[in-house]
Amino acid sequence: MKQKNEEIKIMDKTLPDEKTMYTALLNKDSNFEGIFFVGVKTTGIFCRPTCRARKPRQENVEFFYSTREALIHSYRPCKICNPLGFKGDVPRWLKPVLEEIQDNPAIRLKDSDLRARGIDPNRIRRWFKQNHGMTFQAYLRLIRIGNAFGKIKNGDKVIEAAFDSAYESLSGFTYSFKKSTG
């Protein structure tokens, strides 16, 4: 985002200016927890402002108002600060599923797959809705869309990126894109 010392307006939310957010990131200021998330361009990872990981240069970051927005822009969640967790607390039963998704962003998990892992689909759906304002399937869709966007940014053809991200057709990819981004 190119604006300096101005409020950055995204959709209906207003973020603090970039200088303030970057200073909060450097200081691990907990007052900004939940206000914004930071994406690191060089690693493709997004974090909470309080993350204890090494801090990137200012030119290598971009700021997001939600985890959803960071996922759409093809960023992966940080393993150190776990921005998808609720204040760092991801239930033990959910950790293996999130690790599997992190290792294979093109994975498709149906309710039957979750049951085979001993997880009630309603439980995971409720947890995601409560902590991220989206269903588990919407989260998976955002991960796949983000994965496809990352491939397109790196020069892959749209159709190759769609199929590599577990979409069975280009129309399915288009539908998912429209549904995810509004």
C-alpha atoms as a PDB file:
ATOM      1  CA  MET A   1       0.000   0.000   0.000  1.00  0.00           C
ATOM      2  CA  LYS A   2       1.563   3.227  -1.132  1.00  0.00           C
ATOM      3  CA  GLN A   3      -0.201   5.764   1.101  1.00  0.00           C
ATOM      4  CA  LYS A   4       1.962   7.215   3.873  1.00  0.00           C
ATOM      5  CA  ASN A   5       0.682   8.797   7.092  1.00  0.00           C
ATOM      6  CA  GLU A   6      -2.919   8.589   5.942  1.00  0.00           C
ATOM      7  CA  GLU A   7      -5.656   6.308   7.059  1.00  0.00           C
ATOM      8  CA  ILE A   8      -5.883   3.283   4.826  1.00  0.00           C
ATOM      9  CA  LYS A   9      -9.522   2.519   4.084  1.00  0.00           C
ATOM     10  CA  ILE A  10     -10.276  -1.065   3.121  1.00  0.00           C
ATOM     11  CA  MET A  11     -13.885  -2.022   2.479  1.00  0.00           C
ATOM     12  CA  ASP A  12     -15.744  -0.563   5.478  1.00  0.00           C
ATOM     13  CA  LYS A  13     -12.840  -0.731   7.910  1.00  0.00           C
ATOM     14  CA  THR A  14     -10.237   1.941   8.467  1.00  0.00           C
ATOM     15  CA  LEU A  15      -6.738   0.911   9.442  1.00  0.00           C
ATOM     16  CA  PRO A  16      -4.222   3.156  11.174  1.00  0.00           C
ATOM     17  CA  ASP A  17      -1.588   4.677   8.884  1.00  0.00           C
ATOM     18  CA  GLU A  18       1.304   2.455   7.751  1.00  0.00           C
ATOM     19  CA  LYS A  19       3.899   4.178   9.935  1.00  0.00           C
ATOM     20  CA  THR A  20       1.808   3.555  13.057  1.00  0.00           C
ATOM     21  CA  MET A  21       1.213  -0.078  12.121  1.00  0.00           C
ATOM     22  CA  TYR A  22       4.877  -0.713  11.327  1.00  0.00           C
ATOM     23  CA  THR A  23       5.918   0.881  14.641  1.00  0.00           C
ATOM     24  CA  ALA A  24       3.357  -1.312  16.442  1.00  0.00           C
ATOM     25  CA  LEU A  25       4.823  -4.345  14.666  1.00  0.00           C
ATOM     26  CA  LEU A  26       8.387  -3.460  15.697  1.00  0.00           C
ATOM     27  CA  ASN A  27       7.288  -2.868  19.306  1.00  0.00           C
ATOM     28  CA  LYS A  28       5.000  -5.933  19.404  1.00  0.00           C
ATOM     29  CA  ASP A  29       2.298  -3.585  20.685  1.00  0.00           C
ATOM     30  CA  SER A  30      -0.572  -5.688  22.045  1.00  0.00           C
ATOM     31  CA  ASN A  31      -2.944  -2.702  21.741  1.00  0.00           C
ATOM     32  CA  PHE A  32      -3.064  -3.474  18.013  1.00  0.00           C
ATOM     33  CA  GLU A  33      -3.914  -7.167  18.447  1.00  0.00           C
ATOM     34  CA  GLY A  34      -6.931  -7.873  16.232  1.00  0.00           C
ATOM     35  CA  ILE A  35      -6.774  -4.432  14.577  1.00  0.00           C
ATOM     36  CA  PHE A  36      -4.557  -5.503  11.694  1.00  0.00           C
ATOM     37  CA  PHE A  37      -2.438  -8.359  10.360  1.00  0.00           C
ATOM     38  CA  VAL A  38       0.858  -7.997   8.533  1.00  0.00           C
ATOM     39  CA  GLY A  39       1.909  -9.882   5.410  1.00  0.00           C
ATOM     40  CA  VAL A  40       5.613 -10.344   4.721  1.00  0.00           C
ATOM     41  CA  LYS A  41       6.149 -10.218   0.956  1.00  0.00           C
ATOM     42  CA  THR A  42       9.506 -12.013   1.006  1.00  0.00           C
ATOM     43  CA  THR A  43       8.228 -15.075   2.877  1.00  0.00           C
ATOM     44  CA  GLY A  44       4.561 -15.154   1.874  1.00  0.00           C
ATOM     45  CA  ILE A  45       3.563 -15.422   5.544  1.00  0.00           C
ATOM     46  CA  PHE A  46       1.167 -13.261   7.549  1.00  0.00           C
ATOM     47  CA  CYS A  47       1.412 -12.549  11.268  1.00  0.00           C
ATOM     48  CA  ARG A  48      -0.197 -10.821  14.208  1.00  0.00           C
ATOM     49  CA  PRO A  49       1.334  -7.439  15.149  1.00  0.00           C
ATOM     50  CA  THR A  50       2.651  -9.081  18.347  1.00  0.00           C
ATOM     51  CA  CYS A  51       4.555 -11.898  16.610  1.00  0.00           C
ATOM     52  CA  ARG A  52       7.968 -12.651  18.130  1.00  0.00           C
ATOM     53  CA  ALA A  53       9.492 -13.609  14.748  1.00  0.00           C
ATOM     54  CA  ARG A  54      12.273 -11.474  13.264  1.00  0.00           C
ATOM     55  CA  LYS A  55      10.863  -8.209  11.940  1.00  0.00           C
ATOM     56  CA  PRO A  56      10.929  -7.533   8.190  1.00  0.00           C
ATOM     57  CA  ARG A  57      11.932  -4.303   6.499  1.00  0.00           C
ATOM     58  CA  GLN A  58       9.095  -1.841   6.017  1.00  0.00           C
ATOM     59  CA  GLU A  59       9.188  -2.148   2.227  1.00  0.00           C
ATOM     60  CA  ASN A  60       8.585  -5.904   2.564  1.00  0.00           C
ATOM     61  CA  VAL A  61       5.285  -5.705   4.435  1.00  0.00           C
ATOM     62  CA  GLU A  62       1.670  -5.044   3.632  1.00  0.00           C
ATOM     63  CA  PHE A  63      -1.162  -4.682   6.099  1.00  0.00           C
ATOM     64  CA  PHE A  64      -4.556  -6.379   6.210  1.00  0.00           C
ATOM     65  CA  TYR A  65      -7.621  -5.827   8.352  1.00  0.00           C
ATOM     66  CA  SER A  66      -8.470  -9.547   8.560  1.00  0.00           C
ATOM     67  CA  THR A  67      -7.046 -13.027   8.197  1.00  0.00           C
ATOM     68  CA  ARG A  68      -9.499 -13.515   5.332  1.00  0.00           C
ATOM     69  CA  GLU A  69      -7.937 -10.657   3.371  1.00  0.00           C
ATOM     70  CA  ALA A  70      -4.417 -12.002   3.985  1.00  0.00           C
ATOM     71  CA  LEU A  71      -5.468 -15.478   2.818  1.00  0.00           C
ATOM     72  CA  ILE A  72      -7.038 -14.030  -0.345  1.00  0.00           C
ATOM     73  CA  HIS A  73      -3.703 -12.344  -1.105  1.00  0.00           C
ATOM     74  CA  SER A  74      -2.030 -15.792  -0.966  1.00  0.00           C
ATOM     75  CA  TYR A  75      -0.303 -15.403   2.401  1.00  0.00           C
ATOM     76  CA  ARG A  76       0.131 -18.430   4.686  1.00  0.00           C
ATOM     77  CA  PRO A  77      -0.389 -18.177   8.455  1.00  0.00           C
ATOM     78  CA  CYS A  78       2.725 -17.863  10.613  1.00  0.00           C
ATOM     79  CA  LYS A  79       3.584 -20.952  12.645  1.00  0.00           C
ATOM     80  CA  ILE A  80       5.024 -18.831  15.454  1.00  0.00           C
ATOM     81  CA  CYS A  81       2.150 -16.439  16.254  1.00  0.00           C
ATOM     82  CA  ASN A  82      -0.654 -18.494  14.685  1.00  0.00           C
ATOM     83  CA  PRO A  83      -2.855 -15.638  13.416  1.00  0.00           C
ATOM     84  CA  LEU A  84      -5.691 -18.078  12.715  1.00  0.00           C
ATOM     85  CA  GLY A  85      -5.904 -19.058  16.362  1.00  0.00           C
ATOM     86  CA  PHE A  86      -7.984 -17.200  18.885  1.00  0.00           C
ATOM     87  CA  LYS A  87      -5.331 -15.305  20.835  1.00  0.00           C
ATOM     88  CA  GLY A  88      -2.878 -18.095  20.088  1.00  0.00           C
ATOM     89  CA  ASP A  89      -5.117 -20.895  21.346  1.00  0.00           C
ATOM     90  CA  VAL A  90      -5.925 -23.458  18.686  1.00  0.00           C
ATOM     91  CA  PRO A  91      -7.624 -26.526  20.131  1.00  0.00           C
ATOM     92  CA  ARG A  92      -5.440 -29.627  20.234  1.00  0.00           C
ATOM     93  CA  TRP A  93      -7.909 -31.567  18.055  1.00  0.00           C
ATOM     94  CA  LEU A  94      -7.628 -28.921  15.308  1.00  0.00           C
ATOM     95  CA  LYS A  95      -3.822 -28.567  15.131  1.00  0.00           C
ATOM     96  CA  PRO A  96      -3.167 -31.686  12.986  1.00  0.00           C
ATOM     97  CA  VAL A  97      -5.790 -30.573  10.446  1.00  0.00           C
ATOM     98  CA  LEU A  98      -4.306 -27.068  10.191  1.00  0.00           C
ATOM     99  CA  GLU A  99      -0.805 -28.520   9.805  1.00  0.00           C
ATOM    100  CA  GLU A 100      -2.046 -30.793   7.026  1.00  0.00           C
ATOM    101  CA  ILE A 101      -3.607 -27.811   5.248  1.00  0.00           C
ATOM    102  CA  GLN A 102      -0.380 -25.819   5.693  1.00  0.00           C
ATOM    103  CA  ASP A 103       1.638 -28.663   4.154  1.00  0.00           C
ATOM    104  CA  ASN A 104      -0.817 -29.182   1.296  1.00  0.00           C
ATOM    105  CA  PRO A 105      -2.821 -26.011   0.535  1.00  0.00           C
ATOM    106  CA  ALA A 106      -4.623 -27.741  -2.350  1.00  0.00           C
ATOM    107  CA  ILE A 107      -6.201 -30.322  -0.038  1.00  0.00           C
ATOM    108  CA  ARG A 108      -9.965 -30.821  -0.094  1.00  0.00           C
ATOM    109  CA  LEU A 109     -11.465 -32.069   3.142  1.00  0.00           C
ATOM    110  CA  LYS A 110     -15.095 -33.164   3.108  1.00  0.00           C
ATOM    111  CA  ASP A 111     -17.196 -33.908   6.170  1.00  0.00           C
ATOM    112  CA  SER A 112     -16.506 -37.611   5.698  1.00  0.00           C
ATOM    113  CA  ASP A 113     -12.735 -36.908   5.721  1.00  0.00           C
ATOM    114  CA  LEU A 114     -13.107 -35.007   8.992  1.00  0.00           C
ATOM    115  CA  ARG A 115     -15.146 -37.820  10.539  1.00  0.00           C
ATOM    116  CA  ALA A 116     -12.431 -40.298   9.485  1.00  0.00           C
ATOM    117  CA  ARG A 117      -9.972 -38.151  11.504  1.00  0.00           C
ATOM    118  CA  GLY A 118     -12.300 -38.262  14.522  1.00  0.00           C
ATOM    119  CA  ILE A 119     -13.474 -34.653  14.141  1.00  0.00           C
ATOM    120  CA  ASP A 120     -17.138 -33.689  14.156  1.00  0.00           C
ATOM    121  CA  PRO A 121     -17.747 -31.442  11.098  1.00  0.00           C
ATOM    122  CA  ASN A 122     -20.207 -29.326  13.109  1.00  0.00           C
ATOM    123  CA  ARG A 123     -17.581 -28.720  15.787  1.00  0.00           C
ATOM    124  CA  ILE A 124     -14.950 -27.484  13.328  1.00  0.00           C
ATOM    125  CA  ARG A 125     -17.557 -25.388  11.505  1.00  0.00           C
ATOM    126  CA  ARG A 126     -18.640 -23.741  14.789  1.00  0.00           C
ATOM    127  CA  TRP A 127     -15.030 -23.097  15.845  1.00  0.00           C
ATOM    128  CA  PHE A 128     -14.165 -21.377  12.555  1.00  0.00           C
ATOM    129  CA  LYS A 129     -17.403 -19.371  12.561  1.00  0.00           C
ATOM    130  CA  GLN A 130     -16.815 -18.244  16.141  1.00  0.00           C
ATOM    131  CA  ASN A 131     -13.119 -17.393  15.751  1.00  0.00           C
ATOM    132  CA  HIS A 132     -12.863 -16.245  12.128  1.00  0.00           C
ATOM    133  CA  GLY A 133     -16.378 -15.389  10.991  1.00  0.00           C
ATOM    134  CA  MET A 134     -16.313 -18.034   8.263  1.00  0.00           C
ATOM    135  CA  THR A 135     -16.966 -21.735   7.932  1.00  0.00           C
ATOM    136  CA  PHE A 136     -14.222 -24.321   7.668  1.00  0.00           C
ATOM    137  CA  GLN A 137     -15.098 -24.917   4.007  1.00  0.00           C
ATOM    138  CA  ALA A 138     -14.873 -21.161   3.326  1.00  0.00           C
ATOM    139  CA  TYR A 139     -11.436 -21.209   4.979  1.00  0.00           C
ATOM    140  CA  LEU A 140     -10.315 -24.107   2.753  1.00  0.00           C
ATOM    141  CA  ARG A 141     -11.643 -22.258  -0.286  1.00  0.00           C
ATOM    142  CA  LEU A 142      -9.645 -19.138   0.698  1.00  0.00           C
ATOM    143  CA  ILE A 143      -6.501 -21.224   1.151  1.00  0.00           C
ATOM    144  CA  ARG A 144      -6.951 -22.761  -2.321  1.00  0.00           C
ATOM    145  CA  ILE A 145      -7.737 -19.362  -3.892  1.00  0.00           C
ATOM    146  CA  GLY A 146      -4.683 -17.845  -2.188  1.00  0.00           C
ATOM    147  CA  ASN A 147      -2.546 -20.736  -3.404  1.00  0.00           C
ATOM    148  CA  ALA A 148      -3.807 -20.192  -6.962  1.00  0.00           C
ATOM    149  CA  PHE A 149      -3.178 -16.420  -6.744  1.00  0.00           C
ATOM    150  CA  GLY A 150       0.365 -17.072  -5.580  1.00  0.00           C
ATOM    151  CA  LYS A 151       0.960 -19.318  -8.584  1.00  0.00           C
ATOM    152  CA  ILE A 152      -0.532 -16.736 -10.966  1.00  0.00           C
ATOM    153  CA  LYS A 153       1.657 -14.001  -9.411  1.00  0.00           C
ATOM    154  CA  ASN A 154       4.675 -16.221 -10.073  1.00  0.00           C
ATOM    155  CA  GLY A 155       3.787 -16.464 -13.759  1.00  0.00           C
ATOM    156  CA  ASP A 156       1.731 -19.664 -13.959  1.00  0.00           C
ATOM    157  CA  LYS A 157      -1.179 -19.744 -16.361  1.00  0.00           C
ATOM    158  CA  VAL A 158      -4.593 -19.312 -14.758  1.00  0.00           C
ATOM    159  CA  ILE A 159      -5.781 -22.748 -15.806  1.00  0.00           C
ATOM    160  CA  GLU A 160      -2.635 -24.440 -14.447  1.00  0.00           C
ATOM    161  CA  ALA A 161      -2.928 -22.549 -11.156  1.00  0.00           C
ATOM    162  CA  ALA A 162      -6.589 -23.547 -10.857  1.00  0.00           C
ATOM    163  CA  PHE A 163      -5.945 -27.247 -11.462  1.00  0.00           C
ATOM    164  CA  ASP A 164      -2.844 -27.275  -9.219  1.00  0.00           C
ATOM    165  CA  SER A 165      -4.999 -25.770  -6.450  1.00  0.00           C
ATOM    166  CA  ALA A 166      -7.475 -28.684  -6.571  1.00  0.00           C
ATOM    167  CA  TYR A 167     -10.103 -27.060  -8.756  1.00  0.00           C
ATOM    168  CA  GLU A 168     -11.681 -29.524 -11.137  1.00  0.00           C
ATOM    169  CA  SER A 169     -12.676 -26.904 -13.701  1.00  0.00           C
ATOM    170  CA  LEU A 170     -11.971 -23.303 -14.610  1.00  0.00           C
ATOM    171  CA  SER A 171     -15.632 -22.448 -14.025  1.00  0.00           C
ATOM    172  CA  GLY A 172     -15.368 -23.895 -10.499  1.00  0.00           C
ATOM    173  CA  PHE A 173     -12.296 -21.747  -9.886  1.00  0.00           C
ATOM    174  CA  THR A 174     -14.107 -18.646 -11.200  1.00  0.00           C
ATOM    175  CA  TYR A 175     -17.145 -19.369  -9.024  1.00  0.00           C
ATOM    176  CA  SER A 176     -14.955 -19.888  -5.964  1.00  0.00           C
ATOM    177  CA  PHE A 177     -13.028 -16.683  -6.692  1.00  0.00           C
ATOM    178  CA  LYS A 178     -16.224 -14.637  -6.955  1.00  0.00           C
ATOM    179  CA  LYS A 179     -17.666 -16.208  -3.811  1.00  0.00           C
ATOM    180  CA  SER A 180     -14.464 -15.606  -1.823  1.00  0.00           C
ATOM    181  CA  THR A 181     -13.755 -12.054  -2.927  1.00  0.00           C
ATOM    182  CA  GLY A 182     -17.316 -10.790  -3.253  1.00  0.00           C
END
